[in-house]
Amino acid sequence: MWRDNGLDMYYLAGNHDFRLGGFLENEIGIKTFGNELNLTAAGKNFHLFHGDGVQKSDVGYRFLKKIFRSGLNQQLFLLLHPDFGMKLADWSSSKSRNSNLLKNPSKLENDYIEYAERKNSQGFDYILMGHTHRPLLYKLTSGLYINTGNWYQDFTYAKFSDDEISLKYFRGSLE
């Protein structure tokens, strides 16, 4: 609907989206970014980053990320039957999710705030991430860090309008 009305759409890939290739752009017209996106709008500098790999204590994920994204392993994965490949991917994802649920969320958020402060000191006014799936609006030295949260439980999103950015909760209609 929005795309049909001429609205440009952008998609910042997350840690599970590295196999998208050109599908969204070629088939639907949504420009896809694989890691991060830096842009300026209304005189404000934005740094958008999914956030995977920021958490310092997540050494296991960083190691697996290199394995999963290796060109050779991607080719080998394509040789698997899709039913088995999806089960393997779901199993791997659930292990990571369940492991992170056991950790202290507020302690983990410190790594993301530290990352956002670093980006703020590099001239970015707004730093947006989403990897933790926990909505957060945090005042930085001279800007804001927003974790956009998730759509499956909190129904959160960020909105930039009239030179202001805010964290919104979907309650039946987009504001």
C-alpha atoms as a PDB file:
ATOM      1  CA  MET A   1       0.000   0.000   0.000  1.00  0.00           C
ATOM      2  CA  TRP A   2       2.641   2.595   1.009  1.00  0.00           C
ATOM      3  CA  ARG A   3       5.021   1.515  -1.738  1.00  0.00           C
ATOM      4  CA  ASP A   4       2.212   1.732  -4.303  1.00  0.00           C
ATOM      5  CA  ASN A   5       1.624   5.346  -3.232  1.00  0.00           C
ATOM      6  CA  GLY A   6       5.227   6.301  -4.040  1.00  0.00           C
ATOM      7  CA  LEU A   7       6.721   6.079  -0.542  1.00  0.00           C
ATOM      8  CA  ASP A   8      10.344   4.935  -0.605  1.00  0.00           C
ATOM      9  CA  MET A   9      10.839   1.983   1.715  1.00  0.00           C
ATOM     10  CA  TYR A  10      14.071   0.812   3.323  1.00  0.00           C
ATOM     11  CA  TYR A  11      14.862  -2.389   5.176  1.00  0.00           C
ATOM     12  CA  LEU A  12      17.800  -2.760   7.548  1.00  0.00           C
ATOM     13  CA  ALA A  13      18.619  -6.451   7.764  1.00  0.00           C
ATOM     14  CA  GLY A  14      18.924  -8.132  11.142  1.00  0.00           C
ATOM     15  CA  ASN A  15      21.014 -11.076  12.273  1.00  0.00           C
ATOM     16  CA  HIS A  16      18.596 -13.579  10.664  1.00  0.00           C
ATOM     17  CA  ASP A  17      18.264 -11.671   7.381  1.00  0.00           C
ATOM     18  CA  PHE A  18      21.715 -12.015   5.838  1.00  0.00           C
ATOM     19  CA  ARG A  19      20.395 -14.381   3.127  1.00  0.00           C
ATOM     20  CA  LEU A  20      17.911 -11.888   1.668  1.00  0.00           C
ATOM     21  CA  GLY A  21      20.109 -11.062  -1.280  1.00  0.00           C
ATOM     22  CA  GLY A  22      18.299  -8.812  -3.726  1.00  0.00           C
ATOM     23  CA  PHE A  23      14.838 -10.312  -3.214  1.00  0.00           C
ATOM     24  CA  LEU A  24      13.109  -7.387  -1.471  1.00  0.00           C
ATOM     25  CA  GLU A  25      14.612  -4.811  -3.791  1.00  0.00           C
ATOM     26  CA  ASN A  26      14.104  -6.765  -7.013  1.00  0.00           C
ATOM     27  CA  GLU A  27      10.651  -8.155  -6.266  1.00  0.00           C
ATOM     28  CA  ILE A  28       9.030  -5.474  -4.110  1.00  0.00           C
ATOM     29  CA  GLY A  29      11.165  -2.357  -4.565  1.00  0.00           C
ATOM     30  CA  ILE A  30      12.334  -2.102  -0.950  1.00  0.00           C
ATOM     31  CA  LYS A  31      15.945  -0.934  -0.702  1.00  0.00           C
ATOM     32  CA  THR A  32      17.832  -3.268   1.645  1.00  0.00           C
ATOM     33  CA  PHE A  33      20.875  -2.469   3.769  1.00  0.00           C
ATOM     34  CA  GLY A  34      22.909  -5.343   5.159  1.00  0.00           C
ATOM     35  CA  ASN A  35      24.669  -3.926   8.183  1.00  0.00           C
ATOM     36  CA  GLU A  36      24.101  -0.287   8.991  1.00  0.00           C
ATOM     37  CA  LEU A  37      22.694   2.860   7.489  1.00  0.00           C
ATOM     38  CA  ASN A  38      23.885   6.388   8.144  1.00  0.00           C
ATOM     39  CA  LEU A  39      21.699   9.201   6.880  1.00  0.00           C
ATOM     40  CA  THR A  40      20.778  12.814   7.420  1.00  0.00           C
ATOM     41  CA  ALA A  41      17.185  14.055   7.590  1.00  0.00           C
ATOM     42  CA  ALA A  42      15.957  17.492   8.638  1.00  0.00           C
ATOM     43  CA  GLY A  43      19.500  18.424   9.659  1.00  0.00           C
ATOM     44  CA  LYS A  44      19.840  15.456  12.038  1.00  0.00           C
ATOM     45  CA  ASN A  45      22.370  12.643  11.653  1.00  0.00           C
ATOM     46  CA  PHE A  46      21.033   9.126  12.115  1.00  0.00           C
ATOM     47  CA  HIS A  47      22.960   5.906  12.685  1.00  0.00           C
ATOM     48  CA  LEU A  48      20.766   2.838  12.179  1.00  0.00           C
ATOM     49  CA  PHE A  49      22.299  -0.506  13.089  1.00  0.00           C
ATOM     50  CA  HIS A  50      20.601  -3.788  13.901  1.00  0.00           C
ATOM     51  CA  GLY A  51      22.910  -4.226  16.885  1.00  0.00           C
ATOM     52  CA  ASP A  52      24.028  -7.824  16.607  1.00  0.00           C
ATOM     53  CA  GLY A  53      27.601  -8.231  17.780  1.00  0.00           C
ATOM     54  CA  VAL A  54      27.548  -5.191  20.114  1.00  0.00           C
ATOM     55  CA  GLN A  55      27.081  -7.248  23.274  1.00  0.00           C
ATOM     56  CA  LYS A  56      30.621  -7.822  24.576  1.00  0.00           C
ATOM     57  CA  SER A  57      29.809 -10.981  26.519  1.00  0.00           C
ATOM     58  CA  ASP A  58      28.227 -12.707  23.508  1.00  0.00           C
ATOM     59  CA  VAL A  59      31.458 -14.288  22.296  1.00  0.00           C
ATOM     60  CA  GLY A  60      29.620 -17.433  21.148  1.00  0.00           C
ATOM     61  CA  TYR A  61      27.348 -15.467  18.817  1.00  0.00           C
ATOM     62  CA  ARG A  62      30.255 -13.553  17.314  1.00  0.00           C
ATOM     63  CA  PHE A  63      32.004 -16.852  16.582  1.00  0.00           C
ATOM     64  CA  LEU A  64      28.866 -18.428  15.078  1.00  0.00           C
ATOM     65  CA  LYS A  65      28.206 -15.305  13.009  1.00  0.00           C
ATOM     66  CA  LYS A  66      31.512 -15.862  11.198  1.00  0.00           C
ATOM     67  CA  ILE A  67      30.642 -19.516  10.594  1.00  0.00           C
ATOM     68  CA  PHE A  68      27.058 -18.900   9.412  1.00  0.00           C
ATOM     69  CA  ARG A  69      28.028 -16.055   7.082  1.00  0.00           C
ATOM     70  CA  SER A  70      30.995 -17.805   5.521  1.00  0.00           C
ATOM     71  CA  GLY A  71      30.553 -18.151   1.748  1.00  0.00           C
ATOM     72  CA  LEU A  72      31.487 -21.833   1.839  1.00  0.00           C
ATOM     73  CA  ASN A  73      29.032 -22.603   4.641  1.00  0.00           C
ATOM     74  CA  GLN A  74      26.284 -20.688   2.836  1.00  0.00           C
ATOM     75  CA  GLN A  75      26.825 -22.869  -0.226  1.00  0.00           C
ATOM     76  CA  LEU A  76      26.812 -26.033   1.907  1.00  0.00           C
ATOM     77  CA  PHE A  77      23.594 -24.934   3.628  1.00  0.00           C
ATOM     78  CA  LEU A  78      21.922 -24.621   0.215  1.00  0.00           C
ATOM     79  CA  LEU A  79      22.619 -28.327  -0.363  1.00  0.00           C
ATOM     80  CA  LEU A  80      20.419 -29.286   2.603  1.00  0.00           C
ATOM     81  CA  HIS A  81      16.782 -30.178   2.085  1.00  0.00           C
ATOM     82  CA  PRO A  82      14.723 -27.071   3.006  1.00  0.00           C
ATOM     83  CA  ASP A  83      12.785 -28.939   5.739  1.00  0.00           C
ATOM     84  CA  PHE A  84      16.026 -29.934   7.476  1.00  0.00           C
ATOM     85  CA  GLY A  85      17.627 -26.536   6.844  1.00  0.00           C
ATOM     86  CA  MET A  86      14.689 -24.718   8.471  1.00  0.00           C
ATOM     87  CA  LYS A  87      14.726 -27.055  11.473  1.00  0.00           C
ATOM     88  CA  LEU A  88      18.461 -26.464  11.893  1.00  0.00           C
ATOM     89  CA  ALA A  89      18.009 -22.684  11.609  1.00  0.00           C
ATOM     90  CA  ASP A  90      15.069 -22.689  14.063  1.00  0.00           C
ATOM     91  CA  TRP A  91      17.045 -24.806  16.539  1.00  0.00           C
ATOM     92  CA  SER A  92      20.060 -22.476  16.355  1.00  0.00           C
ATOM     93  CA  SER A  93      17.879 -19.392  16.744  1.00  0.00           C
ATOM     94  CA  SER A  94      15.981 -20.802  19.739  1.00  0.00           C
ATOM     95  CA  LYS A  95      19.252 -21.750  21.508  1.00  0.00           C
ATOM     96  CA  SER A  96      20.455 -18.163  21.192  1.00  0.00           C
ATOM     97  CA  ARG A  97      17.106 -16.674  22.230  1.00  0.00           C
ATOM     98  CA  ASN A  98      16.761 -18.950  25.272  1.00  0.00           C
ATOM     99  CA  SER A  99      20.341 -18.249  26.340  1.00  0.00           C
ATOM    100  CA  ASN A 100      19.766 -14.486  26.186  1.00  0.00           C
ATOM    101  CA  LEU A 101      16.535 -14.722  28.184  1.00  0.00           C
ATOM    102  CA  LEU A 102      18.518 -16.066  31.140  1.00  0.00           C
ATOM    103  CA  LYS A 103      20.859 -13.066  31.216  1.00  0.00           C
ATOM    104  CA  ASN A 104      20.285  -9.793  33.056  1.00  0.00           C
ATOM    105  CA  PRO A 105      18.654  -7.485  30.468  1.00  0.00           C
ATOM    106  CA  SER A 106      19.629  -4.213  32.146  1.00  0.00           C
ATOM    107  CA  LYS A 107      23.288  -5.277  32.341  1.00  0.00           C
ATOM    108  CA  LEU A 108      23.270  -6.275  28.678  1.00  0.00           C
ATOM    109  CA  GLU A 109      21.787  -2.918  27.666  1.00  0.00           C
ATOM    110  CA  ASN A 110      24.919  -1.171  28.973  1.00  0.00           C
ATOM    111  CA  ASP A 111      26.931  -2.396  25.949  1.00  0.00           C
ATOM    112  CA  TYR A 112      24.348  -0.904  23.582  1.00  0.00           C
ATOM    113  CA  ILE A 113      24.287   2.410  25.458  1.00  0.00           C
ATOM    114  CA  GLU A 114      28.101   2.528  25.375  1.00  0.00           C
ATOM    115  CA  TYR A 115      28.026   1.848  21.608  1.00  0.00           C
ATOM    116  CA  ALA A 116      25.393   4.582  21.149  1.00  0.00           C
ATOM    117  CA  GLU A 117      27.464   7.078  23.179  1.00  0.00           C
ATOM    118  CA  ARG A 118      30.455   6.332  20.941  1.00  0.00           C
ATOM    119  CA  LYS A 119      28.371   6.981  17.820  1.00  0.00           C
ATOM    120  CA  ASN A 120      26.915  10.122  19.400  1.00  0.00           C
ATOM    121  CA  SER A 121      30.451  11.429  19.983  1.00  0.00           C
ATOM    122  CA  GLN A 122      31.135  10.822  16.261  1.00  0.00           C
ATOM    123  CA  GLY A 123      28.380  13.293  15.338  1.00  0.00           C
ATOM    124  CA  PHE A 124      25.230  11.168  15.190  1.00  0.00           C
ATOM    125  CA  ASP A 125      22.198  12.735  16.843  1.00  0.00           C
ATOM    126  CA  TYR A 126      20.056   9.615  16.865  1.00  0.00           C
ATOM    127  CA  ILE A 127      21.262   6.035  17.191  1.00  0.00           C
ATOM    128  CA  LEU A 128      18.634   3.383  16.510  1.00  0.00           C
ATOM    129  CA  MET A 129      19.057  -0.349  17.090  1.00  0.00           C
ATOM    130  CA  GLY A 130      16.738  -3.274  17.648  1.00  0.00           C
ATOM    131  CA  HIS A 131      18.687  -6.463  18.291  1.00  0.00           C
ATOM    132  CA  THR A 132      17.738  -6.810  21.963  1.00  0.00           C
ATOM    133  CA  HIS A 133      14.013  -6.574  21.120  1.00  0.00           C
ATOM    134  CA  ARG A 134      13.546  -4.473  24.272  1.00  0.00           C
ATOM    135  CA  PRO A 135      12.095  -0.984  23.675  1.00  0.00           C
ATOM    136  CA  LEU A 136      14.207   1.797  25.130  1.00  0.00           C
ATOM    137  CA  LEU A 137      14.599   5.538  24.700  1.00  0.00           C
ATOM    138  CA  TYR A 138      17.811   6.716  26.379  1.00  0.00           C
ATOM    139  CA  LYS A 139      19.164  10.279  26.575  1.00  0.00           C
ATOM    140  CA  LEU A 140      22.787  10.459  25.432  1.00  0.00           C
ATOM    141  CA  THR A 141      25.275  13.267  25.967  1.00  0.00           C
ATOM    142  CA  SER A 142      23.895  15.203  22.998  1.00  0.00           C
ATOM    143  CA  GLY A 143      21.356  12.926  21.352  1.00  0.00           C
ATOM    144  CA  LEU A 144      19.145   9.895  21.811  1.00  0.00           C
ATOM    145  CA  TYR A 145      19.555   6.136  21.632  1.00  0.00           C
ATOM    146  CA  ILE A 146      16.406   4.250  20.706  1.00  0.00           C
ATOM    147  CA  ASN A 147      15.998   0.521  20.707  1.00  0.00           C
ATOM    148  CA  THR A 148      12.909   0.044  18.576  1.00  0.00           C
ATOM    149  CA  GLY A 149      11.904  -3.074  20.500  1.00  0.00           C
ATOM    150  CA  ASN A 150       9.686  -5.532  18.665  1.00  0.00           C
ATOM    151  CA  TRP A 151       6.409  -6.042  16.832  1.00  0.00           C
ATOM    152  CA  TYR A 152       5.518  -9.413  18.307  1.00  0.00           C
ATOM    153  CA  GLN A 153       4.995  -8.407  21.956  1.00  0.00           C
ATOM    154  CA  ASP A 154       5.440  -4.700  22.658  1.00  0.00           C
ATOM    155  CA  PHE A 155       4.364  -3.407  19.202  1.00  0.00           C
ATOM    156  CA  THR A 156       6.933  -0.608  19.290  1.00  0.00           C
ATOM    157  CA  TYR A 157       8.448   1.588  16.598  1.00  0.00           C
ATOM    158  CA  ALA A 158      10.333   4.859  16.280  1.00  0.00           C
ATOM    159  CA  LYS A 159       8.787   7.925  14.682  1.00  0.00           C
ATOM    160  CA  PHE A 160      10.643  10.981  13.395  1.00  0.00           C
ATOM    161  CA  SER A 161       8.386  13.959  12.779  1.00  0.00           C
ATOM    162  CA  ASP A 162       8.725  17.718  13.090  1.00  0.00           C
ATOM    163  CA  ASP A 163      12.457  17.389  13.885  1.00  0.00           C
ATOM    164  CA  GLU A 164      11.697  15.146  16.888  1.00  0.00           C
ATOM    165  CA  ILE A 165      12.147  11.424  17.335  1.00  0.00           C
ATOM    166  CA  SER A 166      10.062   9.333  19.690  1.00  0.00           C
ATOM    167  CA  LEU A 167       9.403   5.748  20.675  1.00  0.00           C
ATOM    168  CA  LYS A 168       5.807   4.787  19.979  1.00  0.00           C
ATOM    169  CA  TYR A 169       3.590   1.885  20.981  1.00  0.00           C
ATOM    170  CA  PHE A 170       1.188   0.694  18.287  1.00  0.00           C
ATOM    171  CA  ARG A 171      -2.355   0.710  19.639  1.00  0.00           C
ATOM    172  CA  GLY A 172      -4.425   0.080  16.530  1.00  0.00           C
ATOM    173  CA  SER A 173      -3.277   2.882  14.219  1.00  0.00           C
ATOM    174  CA  LEU A 174      -0.006   4.506  13.291  1.00  0.00           C
ATOM    175  CA  GLU A 175       0.253   8.044  14.668  1.00  0.00           C
END
